[in-house]
Amino acid sequence: MGAGHAHALYRHGHSFVHTLPPHCKLAAVFAFVVVVVSTPREAVWAFAAYAVLLGVVARAARIPARHLLSRMLVEVPFVAFAVLMPFVAEGERVQVAGVSLSVSGLWGAFNILAKGTLGVGASVLLASTTELRELLHGLQKLRLPPLLVQIASFMIRYGDVIAGELRRMSIARRSRGFEARGVRHWGVLAKTAGALFIRSYERGERVHLAMVSRGYTGVMPVLDEVRASREQWMCAGALPLAALVVCLTGWVWVL
């Protein structure tokens, strides 16, 4: 898969969570998210229990709370959407501080916020303890279609390259006195986007030709084989299994 590629979410460490095989962690996070989504929204305590479970994993991985919370800001747009639901949803209304809010909207907002936050938190924990190269290996081990893995690999490798190209084009515009101030400058920005697309396409052609000349046949080689022991699968499965117990208890409590 090539050399490693560092990313802003990853936090170097030597905890047992870091050393777990990537496909074990991917499967565990996916199962955990499925369990969280399957939990009835009325079982409010269950979502607090899920947060405690994630906190235990973060503590075991030695990931600071500040690191996690700062990376979870990506869900802010969803929070804004959830905040609007009690005001626009229909149905039974309730007065809160003199404001009429929808009961179903309040439950819907809580449902989105709780499950979304837990899902984002689990994903950030995964990214904080697993390098991108390892994640790609994990996807291969989980039998994700090879073409999708290759697309993700190239996106990771050349995303920074394309961003650097766009940055140089921006510097070139500013050095010529250009500064976008309104709609009349959108044409220049559109031409920049078109030029960036053409340059990216041409670079992709050159990269593909270079790969073919070096023996590429449509499948990326795996440089090292990662195997998981039974103990490692049990460690990774502890999180979704504990979450499943909480979920089943939540359903019994609601019914």
Protein backbone atom coordinates (compact mmCIF):
# COMPACT_ATOMS: atom_id res chain seq x y z
CA MET A 1 0.00 0.00 0.00
CA GLY A 2 3.01 2.19 0.12
CA ALA A 3 4.45 4.38 2.80
CA GLY A 4 2.41 5.71 5.68
CA HIS A 5 0.61 8.99 5.41
CA ALA A 6 0.13 11.01 8.57
CA HIS A 7 -3.13 12.80 9.22
CA ALA A 8 -4.26 15.38 11.73
CA LEU A 9 -6.58 13.04 13.63
CA TYR A 10 -3.97 10.41 14.44
CA ARG A 11 -2.24 10.63 17.81
CA HIS A 12 0.88 8.53 18.16
CA GLY A 13 0.85 6.18 21.12
CA HIS A 14 1.83 2.73 22.41
CA SER A 15 -1.37 1.65 24.14
CA PHE A 16 -2.95 -1.75 23.49
CA VAL A 17 -5.71 0.06 21.55
CA HIS A 18 -3.09 1.40 19.14
CA THR A 19 -1.62 -2.06 18.67
CA LEU A 20 -4.90 -3.82 17.86
CA PRO A 21 -5.16 -4.91 14.20
CA PRO A 22 -6.99 -2.29 12.13
CA HIS A 23 -9.68 -4.65 10.83
CA CYS A 24 -10.57 -5.57 14.42
CA LYS A 25 -11.02 -1.91 15.32
CA LEU A 26 -13.02 -1.18 12.15
CA ALA A 27 -15.39 -4.07 12.83
CA ALA A 28 -15.76 -3.05 16.48
CA VAL A 29 -16.56 0.58 15.66
CA PHE A 30 -19.04 -0.42 12.97
CA ALA A 31 -20.81 -2.83 15.34
CA PHE A 32 -20.84 -0.21 18.10
CA VAL A 33 -22.44 2.39 15.82
CA VAL A 34 -25.08 -0.12 14.66
CA VAL A 35 -25.96 -0.90 18.28
CA VAL A 36 -26.16 2.80 19.18
CA VAL A 37 -28.45 3.53 16.23
CA SER A 38 -30.67 0.58 17.22
CA THR A 39 -31.18 1.92 20.75
CA PRO A 40 -34.62 3.42 21.48
CA ARG A 41 -34.43 7.16 21.97
CA GLU A 42 -36.54 6.96 25.13
CA ALA A 43 -33.73 5.09 26.92
CA VAL A 44 -31.85 8.28 27.74
CA TRP A 45 -29.62 6.58 30.31
CA ALA A 46 -28.36 4.15 27.65
CA PHE A 47 -26.68 6.94 25.67
CA ALA A 48 -24.93 8.11 28.84
CA ALA A 49 -23.68 4.53 29.29
CA TYR A 50 -22.36 4.52 25.71
CA ALA A 51 -20.49 7.75 26.41
CA VAL A 52 -18.92 6.13 29.48
CA LEU A 53 -17.82 3.16 27.36
CA LEU A 54 -16.14 5.48 24.85
CA GLY A 55 -14.52 7.33 27.73
CA VAL A 56 -13.07 4.05 29.02
CA VAL A 57 -11.64 3.28 25.57
CA ALA A 58 -10.20 6.80 25.30
CA ARG A 59 -8.60 6.43 28.72
CA ALA A 60 -7.12 3.06 27.77
CA ALA A 61 -5.75 4.59 24.54
CA ARG A 62 -4.38 7.61 26.46
CA ILE A 63 -6.26 10.03 24.19
CA PRO A 64 -6.87 13.39 25.96
CA ALA A 65 -10.45 14.65 26.13
CA ARG A 66 -9.36 17.94 24.55
CA HIS A 67 -8.05 16.08 21.51
CA LEU A 68 -11.35 14.24 21.06
CA LEU A 69 -13.61 17.22 21.64
CA SER A 70 -11.70 19.48 19.24
CA ARG A 71 -11.94 16.86 16.47
CA MET A 72 -15.66 16.34 17.10
CA LEU A 73 -16.49 19.90 16.03
CA VAL A 74 -17.14 18.46 12.58
CA GLU A 75 -20.69 17.66 13.70
CA VAL A 76 -21.60 21.30 14.37
CA PRO A 77 -23.78 21.56 11.19
CA PHE A 78 -25.83 18.58 12.38
CA VAL A 79 -26.20 20.21 15.78
CA ALA A 80 -27.60 23.33 14.11
CA PHE A 81 -30.12 21.20 12.21
CA ALA A 82 -31.16 19.36 15.36
CA VAL A 83 -31.67 22.61 17.28
CA LEU A 84 -34.23 23.74 14.68
CA MET A 85 -36.33 20.58 14.88
CA PRO A 86 -38.31 21.47 18.06
CA PHE A 87 -39.38 24.75 16.43
CA VAL A 88 -40.46 23.43 13.00
CA ALA A 89 -41.82 19.94 13.81
CA GLU A 90 -45.56 19.46 14.13
CA GLY A 91 -47.60 17.61 16.73
CA GLU A 92 -48.07 18.03 20.47
CA ARG A 93 -46.52 21.22 21.85
CA VAL A 94 -44.96 22.00 25.20
CA GLN A 95 -43.97 25.33 26.75
CA VAL A 96 -40.28 25.67 27.66
CA ALA A 97 -39.24 29.05 29.10
CA GLY A 98 -42.23 30.62 27.40
CA VAL A 99 -41.37 29.13 23.98
CA SER A 100 -43.69 26.64 22.28
CA LEU A 101 -41.75 23.54 21.22
CA SER A 102 -42.79 20.31 19.55
CA VAL A 103 -42.54 17.21 21.70
CA SER A 104 -41.72 15.01 18.72
CA GLY A 105 -39.20 17.62 17.60
CA LEU A 106 -37.49 17.54 20.99
CA TRP A 107 -37.23 13.76 20.87
CA GLY A 108 -35.99 13.92 17.30
CA ALA A 109 -33.35 16.51 18.18
CA PHE A 110 -32.16 14.44 21.13
CA ASN A 111 -32.07 11.32 18.96
CA ILE A 112 -29.89 13.01 16.33
CA LEU A 113 -27.59 14.68 18.82
CA ALA A 114 -27.06 11.63 21.01
CA LYS A 115 -26.53 9.06 18.27
CA GLY A 116 -24.62 11.43 16.00
CA THR A 117 -22.27 12.52 18.78
CA LEU A 118 -21.56 8.95 19.82
CA GLY A 119 -20.93 7.91 16.23
CA VAL A 120 -18.57 10.80 15.64
CA GLY A 121 -16.82 10.11 18.93
CA ALA A 122 -16.25 6.45 18.03
CA SER A 123 -14.95 7.45 14.58
CA VAL A 124 -12.56 10.02 16.06
CA LEU A 125 -11.27 7.42 18.50
CA LEU A 126 -10.66 5.04 15.62
CA ALA A 127 -8.82 7.68 13.60
CA SER A 128 -6.83 8.80 16.66
CA THR A 129 -5.45 5.30 17.25
CA THR A 130 -5.05 4.03 13.68
CA GLU A 131 -2.91 5.40 10.86
CA LEU A 132 -4.47 5.85 7.44
CA ARG A 133 -2.27 3.19 5.92
CA GLU A 134 -3.45 0.71 8.55
CA LEU A 135 -7.08 1.65 7.96
CA LEU A 136 -6.67 0.80 4.28
CA HIS A 137 -5.14 -2.54 5.22
CA GLY A 138 -8.06 -3.14 7.56
CA LEU A 139 -10.56 -2.44 4.79
CA GLN A 140 -8.75 -4.96 2.61
CA LYS A 141 -8.88 -7.57 5.37
CA LEU A 142 -12.62 -6.99 5.74
CA ARG A 143 -13.04 -7.76 2.03
CA LEU A 144 -14.13 -4.29 0.96
CA PRO A 145 -14.15 -4.13 -2.88
CA PRO A 146 -10.52 -3.58 -3.97
CA LEU A 147 -11.49 -0.76 -6.32
CA LEU A 148 -12.99 1.24 -3.45
CA VAL A 149 -9.86 0.69 -1.36
CA GLN A 150 -7.68 1.90 -4.22
CA ILE A 151 -9.83 5.01 -4.71
CA ALA A 152 -9.57 5.81 -1.01
CA SER A 153 -5.82 5.22 -1.13
CA PHE A 154 -5.31 7.63 -4.02
CA MET A 155 -7.56 10.23 -2.39
CA ILE A 156 -5.37 10.10 0.72
CA ARG A 157 -2.12 10.18 -1.22
CA TYR A 158 -2.95 12.99 -3.63
CA GLY A 159 -5.38 15.10 -1.61
CA ASP A 160 -2.50 17.10 -0.18
CA VAL A 161 -0.91 17.35 -3.63
CA ILE A 162 -4.06 18.87 -5.13
CA ALA A 163 -4.46 21.19 -2.13
CA GLY A 164 -0.87 22.35 -2.63
CA GLU A 165 -1.55 23.02 -6.31
CA LEU A 166 -4.60 25.10 -5.41
CA ARG A 167 -2.55 27.00 -2.84
CA ARG A 168 0.10 27.86 -5.44
CA MET A 169 -2.57 29.03 -7.87
CA SER A 170 -4.03 31.27 -5.15
CA ILE A 171 -0.61 32.77 -4.46
CA ALA A 172 -0.13 33.40 -8.18
CA ARG A 173 -3.47 35.25 -8.37
CA ARG A 174 -2.68 37.41 -5.37
CA SER A 175 0.80 38.22 -6.69
CA ARG A 176 -0.91 39.67 -9.78
CA GLY A 177 -3.16 41.87 -7.66
CA PHE A 178 -6.31 39.74 -7.80
CA GLU A 179 -8.61 39.59 -4.79
CA ALA A 180 -12.15 38.21 -4.94
CA ARG A 181 -14.55 40.83 -3.62
CA GLY A 182 -17.91 39.95 -5.17
CA VAL A 183 -19.97 38.16 -7.79
CA ARG A 184 -18.07 39.79 -10.67
CA HIS A 185 -14.98 37.82 -9.69
CA TRP A 186 -16.72 34.43 -9.73
CA GLY A 187 -15.67 33.95 -13.34
CA VAL A 188 -12.00 34.01 -12.37
CA LEU A 189 -12.61 31.54 -9.57
CA ALA A 190 -14.52 29.26 -11.97
CA LYS A 191 -11.59 29.33 -14.39
CA THR A 192 -9.28 28.46 -11.50
CA ALA A 193 -11.43 25.45 -10.66
CA GLY A 194 -11.39 24.37 -14.31
CA ALA A 195 -7.62 24.73 -14.54
CA LEU A 196 -7.20 22.76 -11.32
CA PHE A 197 -9.39 19.96 -12.70
CA ILE A 198 -7.34 19.77 -15.92
CA ARG A 199 -4.04 19.74 -14.01
CA SER A 200 -5.34 17.05 -11.68
CA TYR A 201 -6.54 14.93 -14.61
CA GLU A 202 -3.20 15.26 -16.39
CA ARG A 203 -1.33 14.38 -13.20
CA GLY A 204 -3.53 11.32 -12.78
CA GLU A 205 -2.71 10.20 -16.33
CA ARG A 206 1.02 10.55 -15.67
CA VAL A 207 0.75 8.66 -12.38
CA HIS A 208 -1.22 5.84 -14.04
CA LEU A 209 1.33 5.51 -16.84
CA ALA A 210 4.14 5.42 -14.29
CA MET A 211 2.35 2.69 -12.33
CA VAL A 212 1.69 0.60 -15.45
CA SER A 213 5.33 0.90 -16.48
CA ARG A 214 6.26 -0.54 -13.07
CA GLY A 215 4.00 -3.57 -13.40
CA TYR A 216 0.66 -2.34 -12.04
CA THR A 217 -2.12 -4.76 -13.07
CA GLY A 218 -5.12 -3.22 -11.32
CA VAL A 219 -4.41 -4.50 -7.81
CA MET A 220 -2.30 -2.67 -5.24
CA PRO A 221 0.27 -4.91 -3.50
CA VAL A 222 -0.03 -5.52 0.23
CA LEU A 223 3.40 -5.03 1.75
CA ASP A 224 2.69 -6.67 5.10
CA GLU A 225 0.04 -9.11 6.25
CA VAL A 226 -1.73 -8.22 9.51
CA ARG A 227 -3.22 -11.14 11.39
CA ALA A 228 -5.41 -10.93 14.48
CA SER A 229 -5.35 -13.41 17.32
CA ARG A 230 -8.42 -14.58 19.22
CA GLU A 231 -7.41 -12.42 22.18
CA GLN A 232 -7.22 -9.32 20.00
CA TRP A 233 -10.67 -10.01 18.54
CA MET A 234 -12.02 -10.42 22.08
CA CYS A 235 -10.47 -7.12 23.18
CA ALA A 236 -11.89 -5.30 20.17
CA GLY A 237 -15.29 -6.95 20.61
CA ALA A 238 -15.59 -5.88 24.24
CA LEU A 239 -16.89 -2.44 23.26
CA PRO A 240 -19.74 -3.52 20.94
CA LEU A 241 -20.68 -6.43 23.24
CA ALA A 242 -20.98 -4.13 26.25
CA ALA A 243 -22.98 -1.70 24.10
CA LEU A 244 -25.26 -4.55 23.00
CA VAL A 245 -26.03 -5.40 26.63
CA VAL A 246 -26.93 -1.76 27.25
CA CYS A 247 -29.11 -1.68 24.10
CA LEU A 248 -31.04 -4.82 25.01
CA THR A 249 -31.54 -3.52 28.54
CA GLY A 250 -32.81 -0.26 27.07
CA TRP A 251 -35.38 -2.04 24.93
CA VAL A 252 -36.58 -4.09 27.94
CA TRP A 253 -36.81 -0.89 30.02
CA VAL A 254 -38.83 0.92 27.33
CA LEU A 255 -41.21 -1.97 26.68
